[in-house]
Amino acid sequence: MLKECVLATQPVRTRPLSPHLTAWKWGPHMLVSILHRATGDGMAVVGTIVFVWWLAALAGGDARYAGFVDTFTTSAGHLNILGYVIGIGMTWAFFQHLASGIRHLVMDTGAGFELRANKTFAILTIVFSVLATIAFWAYLLVGK
């Protein structure tokens, strides 16, 4: 014999839904939270690929290593477009991830949860990462 479905006879219960990004007003603190994840993943993926490629080029001999170096530099030995994009991008990702990590460390102590302080600290992480990247590359390119 077939029994009647019990779920169909019970009243439908509505559960509260977890709010998504569309339910919140967009703010710098949300951007920094997303950037923290993206920069961490980006550094891990790109850094691992470049590092493994570099190791394989070293193990492959002079010709393979020269090919690796030629991918990121010009014949004069300076960085080409790809070298700058990878280098500056990884540098910015590092400084952004660092500043955001420090922000999270401060928040883990229980400080910085007030809305104004949270937003200000989030904006400061972006400003710091951009200024630190500019300063780092100015130091590399202009001189010591």
N, C-alpha and C. Protein backbone atom coordinates (compact mmCIF):
# COMPACT_ATOMS: atom_id res chain seq x y z
N MET A 1 0.82 -1.19 0.00
CA MET A 1 0.00 0.00 0.00
C MET A 1 0.87 1.25 0.00
N LEU A 2 0.42 2.25 -0.69
CA LEU A 2 1.11 3.53 -0.72
C LEU A 2 0.59 4.43 0.38
N LYS A 3 1.50 5.04 1.09
CA LYS A 3 1.09 5.97 2.14
C LYS A 3 1.08 7.39 1.57
N GLU A 4 0.21 8.18 2.12
CA GLU A 4 0.11 9.56 1.68
C GLU A 4 1.35 10.32 2.14
N CYS A 5 1.81 11.22 1.33
CA CYS A 5 3.01 12.01 1.64
C CYS A 5 2.71 12.92 2.83
N VAL A 6 3.50 12.79 3.86
CA VAL A 6 3.28 13.56 5.08
C VAL A 6 3.63 15.03 4.87
N LEU A 7 4.67 15.30 4.09
CA LEU A 7 5.10 16.68 3.90
C LEU A 7 4.05 17.52 3.19
N ALA A 8 3.29 16.93 2.31
CA ALA A 8 2.29 17.69 1.57
C ALA A 8 1.15 18.15 2.46
N THR A 9 0.89 17.45 3.54
CA THR A 9 -0.21 17.82 4.42
C THR A 9 0.20 18.80 5.52
N GLN A 10 1.51 18.98 5.73
CA GLN A 10 1.97 19.89 6.77
C GLN A 10 2.00 21.31 6.22
N PRO A 11 1.79 22.29 7.09
CA PRO A 11 1.83 23.68 6.62
C PRO A 11 3.25 24.05 6.18
N VAL A 12 3.34 24.91 5.20
CA VAL A 12 4.62 25.38 4.69
C VAL A 12 5.19 26.39 5.67
N ARG A 13 6.39 26.16 6.12
CA ARG A 13 7.05 27.07 7.05
C ARG A 13 7.99 27.97 6.27
N THR A 14 7.94 29.23 6.54
CA THR A 14 8.86 30.15 5.88
C THR A 14 10.05 30.37 6.79
N ARG A 15 11.20 30.22 6.21
CA ARG A 15 12.43 30.41 6.95
C ARG A 15 13.02 31.76 6.58
N PRO A 16 13.69 32.40 7.51
CA PRO A 16 14.36 33.65 7.14
C PRO A 16 15.50 33.35 6.17
N LEU A 17 15.62 34.17 5.16
CA LEU A 17 16.67 33.99 4.17
C LEU A 17 17.88 34.82 4.55
N SER A 18 19.04 34.29 4.30
CA SER A 18 20.27 35.02 4.56
C SER A 18 20.40 36.14 3.54
N PRO A 19 20.68 37.36 3.99
CA PRO A 19 20.80 38.47 3.03
C PRO A 19 22.03 38.30 2.15
N HIS A 20 21.90 38.70 0.93
CA HIS A 20 22.98 38.62 -0.03
C HIS A 20 23.50 40.03 -0.28
N LEU A 21 24.47 40.18 -1.16
CA LEU A 21 25.05 41.49 -1.43
C LEU A 21 24.02 42.52 -1.86
N THR A 22 22.95 42.08 -2.51
CA THR A 22 21.95 43.03 -2.97
C THR A 22 21.12 43.60 -1.84
N ALA A 23 21.14 42.98 -0.69
CA ALA A 23 20.34 43.46 0.44
C ALA A 23 21.07 44.52 1.25
N TRP A 24 22.34 44.72 1.01
CA TRP A 24 23.13 45.66 1.79
C TRP A 24 23.52 46.86 0.93
N LYS A 25 23.71 47.99 1.58
CA LYS A 25 24.23 49.17 0.90
C LYS A 25 25.73 48.96 0.72
N TRP A 26 26.19 49.10 -0.51
CA TRP A 26 27.59 48.85 -0.83
C TRP A 26 28.48 49.85 -0.12
N GLY A 27 29.59 49.39 0.44
CA GLY A 27 30.51 50.27 1.14
C GLY A 27 31.94 49.81 0.97
N PRO A 28 32.89 50.65 1.36
CA PRO A 28 34.30 50.30 1.21
C PRO A 28 34.69 49.07 2.03
N HIS A 29 34.03 48.86 3.16
CA HIS A 29 34.34 47.69 3.99
C HIS A 29 33.99 46.40 3.25
N MET A 30 32.95 46.43 2.43
CA MET A 30 32.60 45.24 1.64
C MET A 30 33.63 45.02 0.53
N LEU A 31 34.05 46.11 -0.11
CA LEU A 31 35.05 46.01 -1.16
C LEU A 31 36.36 45.43 -0.63
N VAL A 32 36.79 45.92 0.53
CA VAL A 32 38.05 45.46 1.11
C VAL A 32 37.95 43.99 1.51
N SER A 33 36.80 43.57 1.98
CA SER A 33 36.62 42.16 2.33
C SER A 33 36.75 41.27 1.09
N ILE A 34 36.14 41.69 0.00
CA ILE A 34 36.23 40.92 -1.24
C ILE A 34 37.65 40.98 -1.80
N LEU A 35 38.28 42.17 -1.75
CA LEU A 35 39.66 42.30 -2.23
C LEU A 35 40.62 41.44 -1.44
N HIS A 36 40.36 41.29 -0.14
CA HIS A 36 41.25 40.46 0.68
C HIS A 36 41.25 39.01 0.18
N ARG A 37 40.07 38.51 -0.14
CA ARG A 37 39.99 37.14 -0.67
C ARG A 37 40.60 37.05 -2.07
N ALA A 38 40.29 38.04 -2.91
CA ALA A 38 40.77 38.02 -4.30
C ALA A 38 42.29 38.16 -4.37
N THR A 39 42.86 39.05 -3.55
CA THR A 39 44.31 39.23 -3.59
C THR A 39 45.03 38.00 -3.02
N GLY A 40 44.47 37.40 -2.00
CA GLY A 40 45.08 36.18 -1.45
C GLY A 40 45.07 35.06 -2.47
N ASP A 41 43.93 34.85 -3.11
CA ASP A 41 43.84 33.81 -4.14
C ASP A 41 44.71 34.15 -5.34
N GLY A 42 44.70 35.41 -5.74
CA GLY A 42 45.51 35.83 -6.90
C GLY A 42 47.00 35.63 -6.67
N MET A 43 47.46 36.03 -5.49
CA MET A 43 48.89 35.83 -5.20
C MET A 43 49.23 34.35 -5.14
N ALA A 44 48.34 33.55 -4.59
CA ALA A 44 48.61 32.12 -4.50
C ALA A 44 48.66 31.48 -5.88
N VAL A 45 47.71 31.79 -6.73
CA VAL A 45 47.64 31.17 -8.05
C VAL A 45 48.76 31.69 -8.96
N VAL A 46 48.83 33.01 -9.13
CA VAL A 46 49.84 33.58 -10.03
C VAL A 46 51.23 33.32 -9.49
N GLY A 47 51.42 33.51 -8.20
CA GLY A 47 52.73 33.27 -7.61
C GLY A 47 53.19 31.83 -7.77
N THR A 48 52.30 30.89 -7.58
CA THR A 48 52.65 29.48 -7.73
C THR A 48 53.00 29.15 -9.18
N ILE A 49 52.21 29.67 -10.11
CA ILE A 49 52.47 29.40 -11.53
C ILE A 49 53.83 29.96 -11.94
N VAL A 50 54.10 31.21 -11.58
CA VAL A 50 55.38 31.82 -11.95
C VAL A 50 56.54 31.13 -11.25
N PHE A 51 56.37 30.78 -9.99
CA PHE A 51 57.44 30.12 -9.25
C PHE A 51 57.75 28.73 -9.82
N VAL A 52 56.73 27.96 -10.10
CA VAL A 52 56.94 26.62 -10.68
C VAL A 52 57.55 26.72 -12.07
N TRP A 53 57.08 27.70 -12.85
CA TRP A 53 57.65 27.92 -14.18
C TRP A 53 59.13 28.29 -14.07
N TRP A 54 59.47 29.15 -13.09
CA TRP A 54 60.86 29.55 -12.89
C TRP A 54 61.72 28.35 -12.48
N LEU A 55 61.20 27.52 -11.57
CA LEU A 55 61.94 26.32 -11.17
C LEU A 55 62.14 25.36 -12.35
N ALA A 56 61.10 25.18 -13.16
CA ALA A 56 61.22 24.31 -14.32
C ALA A 56 62.21 24.88 -15.33
N ALA A 57 62.22 26.19 -15.47
CA ALA A 57 63.17 26.82 -16.39
C ALA A 57 64.60 26.65 -15.88
N LEU A 58 64.79 26.78 -14.59
CA LEU A 58 66.12 26.55 -14.01
C LEU A 58 66.59 25.12 -14.25
N ALA A 59 65.68 24.18 -14.05
CA ALA A 59 66.03 22.77 -14.22
C ALA A 59 66.19 22.40 -15.69
N GLY A 60 65.57 23.17 -16.59
CA GLY A 60 65.60 22.85 -18.01
C GLY A 60 66.86 23.29 -18.74
N GLY A 61 67.68 24.07 -18.11
CA GLY A 61 68.92 24.50 -18.75
C GLY A 61 68.88 25.97 -19.16
N ASP A 62 69.98 26.38 -19.79
CA ASP A 62 70.15 27.79 -20.15
C ASP A 62 69.10 28.29 -21.15
N ALA A 63 68.78 27.48 -22.14
CA ALA A 63 67.83 27.92 -23.17
C ALA A 63 66.43 28.12 -22.57
N ARG A 64 66.02 27.21 -21.74
CA ARG A 64 64.68 27.35 -21.13
C ARG A 64 64.65 28.54 -20.16
N TYR A 65 65.71 28.74 -19.40
CA TYR A 65 65.75 29.87 -18.48
C TYR A 65 65.75 31.19 -19.27
N ALA A 66 66.48 31.24 -20.36
CA ALA A 66 66.48 32.44 -21.20
C ALA A 66 65.08 32.71 -21.75
N GLY A 67 64.36 31.65 -22.11
CA GLY A 67 62.98 31.82 -22.57
C GLY A 67 62.08 32.37 -21.48
N PHE A 68 62.27 31.91 -20.26
CA PHE A 68 61.50 32.43 -19.13
C PHE A 68 61.79 33.91 -18.92
N VAL A 69 63.07 34.26 -18.91
CA VAL A 69 63.45 35.66 -18.71
C VAL A 69 62.94 36.53 -19.85
N ASP A 70 63.02 36.03 -21.08
CA ASP A 70 62.56 36.80 -22.24
C ASP A 70 61.05 37.06 -22.21
N THR A 71 60.30 36.24 -21.51
CA THR A 71 58.86 36.44 -21.41
C THR A 71 58.53 37.71 -20.64
N PHE A 72 59.37 38.07 -19.68
CA PHE A 72 59.07 39.21 -18.81
C PHE A 72 59.97 40.42 -19.05
N THR A 73 60.99 40.29 -19.91
CA THR A 73 61.92 41.40 -20.10
C THR A 73 62.15 41.68 -21.58
N THR A 74 62.70 42.86 -21.86
CA THR A 74 63.10 43.21 -23.22
C THR A 74 64.53 42.73 -23.45
N SER A 75 65.01 42.92 -24.65
CA SER A 75 66.39 42.51 -24.95
C SER A 75 67.41 43.35 -24.19
N ALA A 76 67.02 44.56 -23.77
CA ALA A 76 67.92 45.42 -23.00
C ALA A 76 67.95 45.03 -21.52
N GLY A 77 67.08 44.12 -21.12
CA GLY A 77 67.08 43.67 -19.74
C GLY A 77 66.04 44.34 -18.86
N HIS A 78 65.29 45.27 -19.42
CA HIS A 78 64.24 45.94 -18.66
C HIS A 78 62.95 45.14 -18.75
N LEU A 79 62.04 45.39 -17.82
CA LEU A 79 60.76 44.71 -17.86
C LEU A 79 59.95 45.14 -19.08
N ASN A 80 59.24 44.20 -19.68
CA ASN A 80 58.32 44.55 -20.76
C ASN A 80 56.93 44.74 -20.15
N ILE A 81 55.92 44.89 -21.00
CA ILE A 81 54.56 45.14 -20.51
C ILE A 81 54.09 44.02 -19.57
N LEU A 82 54.28 42.79 -19.98
CA LEU A 82 53.85 41.66 -19.15
C LEU A 82 54.59 41.65 -17.81
N GLY A 83 55.88 41.95 -17.85
CA GLY A 83 56.66 42.01 -16.62
C GLY A 83 56.14 43.06 -15.65
N TYR A 84 55.79 44.24 -16.21
CA TYR A 84 55.23 45.29 -15.36
C TYR A 84 53.85 44.91 -14.82
N VAL A 85 53.01 44.35 -15.66
CA VAL A 85 51.66 43.98 -15.21
C VAL A 85 51.73 42.95 -14.09
N ILE A 86 52.54 41.91 -14.29
CA ILE A 86 52.67 40.87 -13.25
C ILE A 86 53.35 41.45 -12.01
N GLY A 87 54.42 42.19 -12.20
CA GLY A 87 55.16 42.73 -11.07
C GLY A 87 54.37 43.73 -10.25
N ILE A 88 53.79 44.72 -10.92
CA ILE A 88 53.02 45.74 -10.19
C ILE A 88 51.75 45.12 -9.62
N GLY A 89 51.12 44.24 -10.37
CA GLY A 89 49.90 43.60 -9.88
C GLY A 89 50.16 42.77 -8.64
N MET A 90 51.23 41.99 -8.65
CA MET A 90 51.54 41.17 -7.47
C MET A 90 51.96 42.05 -6.28
N THR A 91 52.66 43.15 -6.57
CA THR A 91 53.06 44.05 -5.49
C THR A 91 51.84 44.70 -4.85
N TRP A 92 50.91 45.20 -5.69
CA TRP A 92 49.69 45.79 -5.15
C TRP A 92 48.88 44.76 -4.37
N ALA A 93 48.77 43.55 -4.91
CA ALA A 93 48.02 42.50 -4.23
C ALA A 93 48.64 42.19 -2.87
N PHE A 94 49.97 42.16 -2.82
CA PHE A 94 50.65 41.91 -1.55
C PHE A 94 50.33 43.00 -0.53
N PHE A 95 50.49 44.26 -0.93
CA PHE A 95 50.26 45.35 0.02
C PHE A 95 48.78 45.45 0.41
N GLN A 96 47.88 45.19 -0.52
CA GLN A 96 46.45 45.22 -0.18
C GLN A 96 46.10 44.09 0.79
N HIS A 97 46.61 42.92 0.53
CA HIS A 97 46.35 41.77 1.40
C HIS A 97 46.97 42.00 2.78
N LEU A 98 48.16 42.57 2.82
CA LEU A 98 48.82 42.88 4.09
C LEU A 98 48.00 43.88 4.90
N ALA A 99 47.60 44.98 4.27
CA ALA A 99 46.84 46.01 4.99
C ALA A 99 45.49 45.47 5.45
N SER A 100 44.85 44.70 4.62
CA SER A 100 43.56 44.12 4.99
C SER A 100 43.73 43.10 6.12
N GLY A 101 44.81 42.36 6.09
CA GLY A 101 45.09 41.42 7.17
C GLY A 101 45.32 42.12 8.49
N ILE A 102 46.01 43.25 8.45
CA ILE A 102 46.21 44.04 9.67
C ILE A 102 44.87 44.58 10.16
N ARG A 103 44.03 45.02 9.23
CA ARG A 103 42.68 45.49 9.59
C ARG A 103 41.89 44.38 10.29
N HIS A 104 41.96 43.17 9.74
CA HIS A 104 41.25 42.05 10.36
C HIS A 104 41.85 41.70 11.72
N LEU A 105 43.16 41.82 11.86
CA LEU A 105 43.81 41.56 13.15
C LEU A 105 43.31 42.54 14.21
N VAL A 106 43.21 43.81 13.84
CA VAL A 106 42.69 44.82 14.77
C VAL A 106 41.24 44.51 15.12
N MET A 107 40.46 44.12 14.11
CA MET A 107 39.05 43.80 14.37
C MET A 107 38.91 42.54 15.24
N ASP A 108 39.86 41.63 15.14
CA ASP A 108 39.83 40.44 15.99
C ASP A 108 40.03 40.76 17.47
N THR A 109 40.63 41.91 17.74
CA THR A 109 40.78 42.33 19.14
C THR A 109 39.50 42.95 19.68
N GLY A 110 38.52 43.18 18.80
CA GLY A 110 37.26 43.77 19.22
C GLY A 110 37.15 45.25 18.91
N ALA A 111 38.19 45.81 18.31
CA ALA A 111 38.18 47.23 17.98
C ALA A 111 37.79 47.42 16.51
N GLY A 112 37.34 48.62 16.20
CA GLY A 112 37.08 48.98 14.82
C GLY A 112 35.77 48.48 14.24
N PHE A 113 34.83 48.09 15.06
CA PHE A 113 33.55 47.62 14.54
C PHE A 113 32.52 48.74 14.38
N GLU A 114 32.82 49.93 14.94
CA GLU A 114 31.91 51.05 14.73
C GLU A 114 31.91 51.37 13.25
N LEU A 115 30.76 51.73 12.72
CA LEU A 115 30.61 51.88 11.27
C LEU A 115 31.59 52.89 10.68
N ARG A 116 31.72 54.04 11.32
CA ARG A 116 32.61 55.07 10.79
C ARG A 116 34.07 54.60 10.83
N ALA A 117 34.50 54.01 11.93
CA ALA A 117 35.87 53.51 12.06
C ALA A 117 36.13 52.37 11.07
N ASN A 118 35.16 51.50 10.90
CA ASN A 118 35.30 50.38 9.98
C ASN A 118 35.48 50.87 8.54
N LYS A 119 34.64 51.82 8.14
CA LYS A 119 34.74 52.36 6.78
C LYS A 119 36.05 53.12 6.58
N THR A 120 36.44 53.89 7.58
CA THR A 120 37.69 54.66 7.48
C THR A 120 38.89 53.72 7.37
N PHE A 121 38.93 52.71 8.20
CA PHE A 121 40.03 51.74 8.17
C PHE A 121 40.05 51.00 6.83
N ALA A 122 38.87 50.71 6.28
CA ALA A 122 38.80 50.04 4.98
C ALA A 122 39.37 50.92 3.88
N ILE A 123 39.01 52.19 3.89
CA ILE A 123 39.53 53.13 2.88
C ILE A 123 41.04 53.27 3.03
N LEU A 124 41.52 53.31 4.27
CA LEU A 124 42.96 53.44 4.51
C LEU A 124 43.74 52.23 3.97
N THR A 125 43.15 51.05 3.99
CA THR A 125 43.85 49.89 3.43
C THR A 125 44.07 50.06 1.94
N ILE A 126 43.07 50.60 1.24
CA ILE A 126 43.19 50.81 -0.20
C ILE A 126 44.22 51.90 -0.49
N VAL A 127 44.13 53.00 0.26
CA VAL A 127 45.08 54.11 0.08
C VAL A 127 46.50 53.63 0.36
N PHE A 128 46.68 52.89 1.46
CA PHE A 128 48.01 52.38 1.79
C PHE A 128 48.56 51.48 0.68
N SER A 129 47.73 50.58 0.19
CA SER A 129 48.23 49.63 -0.82
C SER A 129 48.65 50.34 -2.09
N VAL A 130 47.90 51.34 -2.51
CA VAL A 130 48.26 52.09 -3.72
C VAL A 130 49.54 52.90 -3.48
N LEU A 131 49.61 53.62 -2.36
CA LEU A 131 50.80 54.43 -2.08
C LEU A 131 52.04 53.57 -1.86
N ALA A 132 51.90 52.45 -1.17
CA ALA A 132 53.05 51.56 -0.95
C ALA A 132 53.54 50.95 -2.26
N THR A 133 52.61 50.62 -3.15
CA THR A 133 53.00 50.08 -4.47
C THR A 133 53.73 51.13 -5.28
N ILE A 134 53.21 52.36 -5.28
CA ILE A 134 53.88 53.45 -6.01
C ILE A 134 55.27 53.69 -5.43
N ALA A 135 55.39 53.74 -4.11
CA ALA A 135 56.68 53.98 -3.46
C ALA A 135 57.66 52.86 -3.76
N PHE A 136 57.21 51.62 -3.71
CA PHE A 136 58.08 50.48 -3.98
C PHE A 136 58.61 50.51 -5.40
N TRP A 137 57.71 50.73 -6.38
CA TRP A 137 58.15 50.74 -7.77
C TRP A 137 58.94 52.00 -8.12
N ALA A 138 58.68 53.11 -7.46
CA ALA A 138 59.51 54.31 -7.65
C ALA A 138 60.92 54.05 -7.16
N TYR A 139 61.02 53.35 -6.04
CA TYR A 139 62.33 52.99 -5.50
C TYR A 139 63.08 52.07 -6.47
N LEU A 140 62.37 51.11 -7.04
CA LEU A 140 63.00 50.19 -7.98
C LEU A 140 63.42 50.86 -9.27
N LEU A 141 62.58 51.74 -9.79
CA LEU A 141 62.81 52.33 -11.11
C LEU A 141 63.67 53.58 -11.09
N VAL A 142 63.49 54.41 -10.08
CA VAL A 142 64.21 55.69 -10.04
C VAL A 142 65.61 55.50 -9.47
N GLY A 143 65.74 54.70 -8.50
CA GLY A 143 67.07 54.48 -7.93
C GLY A 143 67.01 54.31 -6.44
N LYS A 144 68.14 53.92 -5.94
CA LYS A 144 68.21 53.61 -4.51
C LYS A 144 68.70 54.79 -3.77
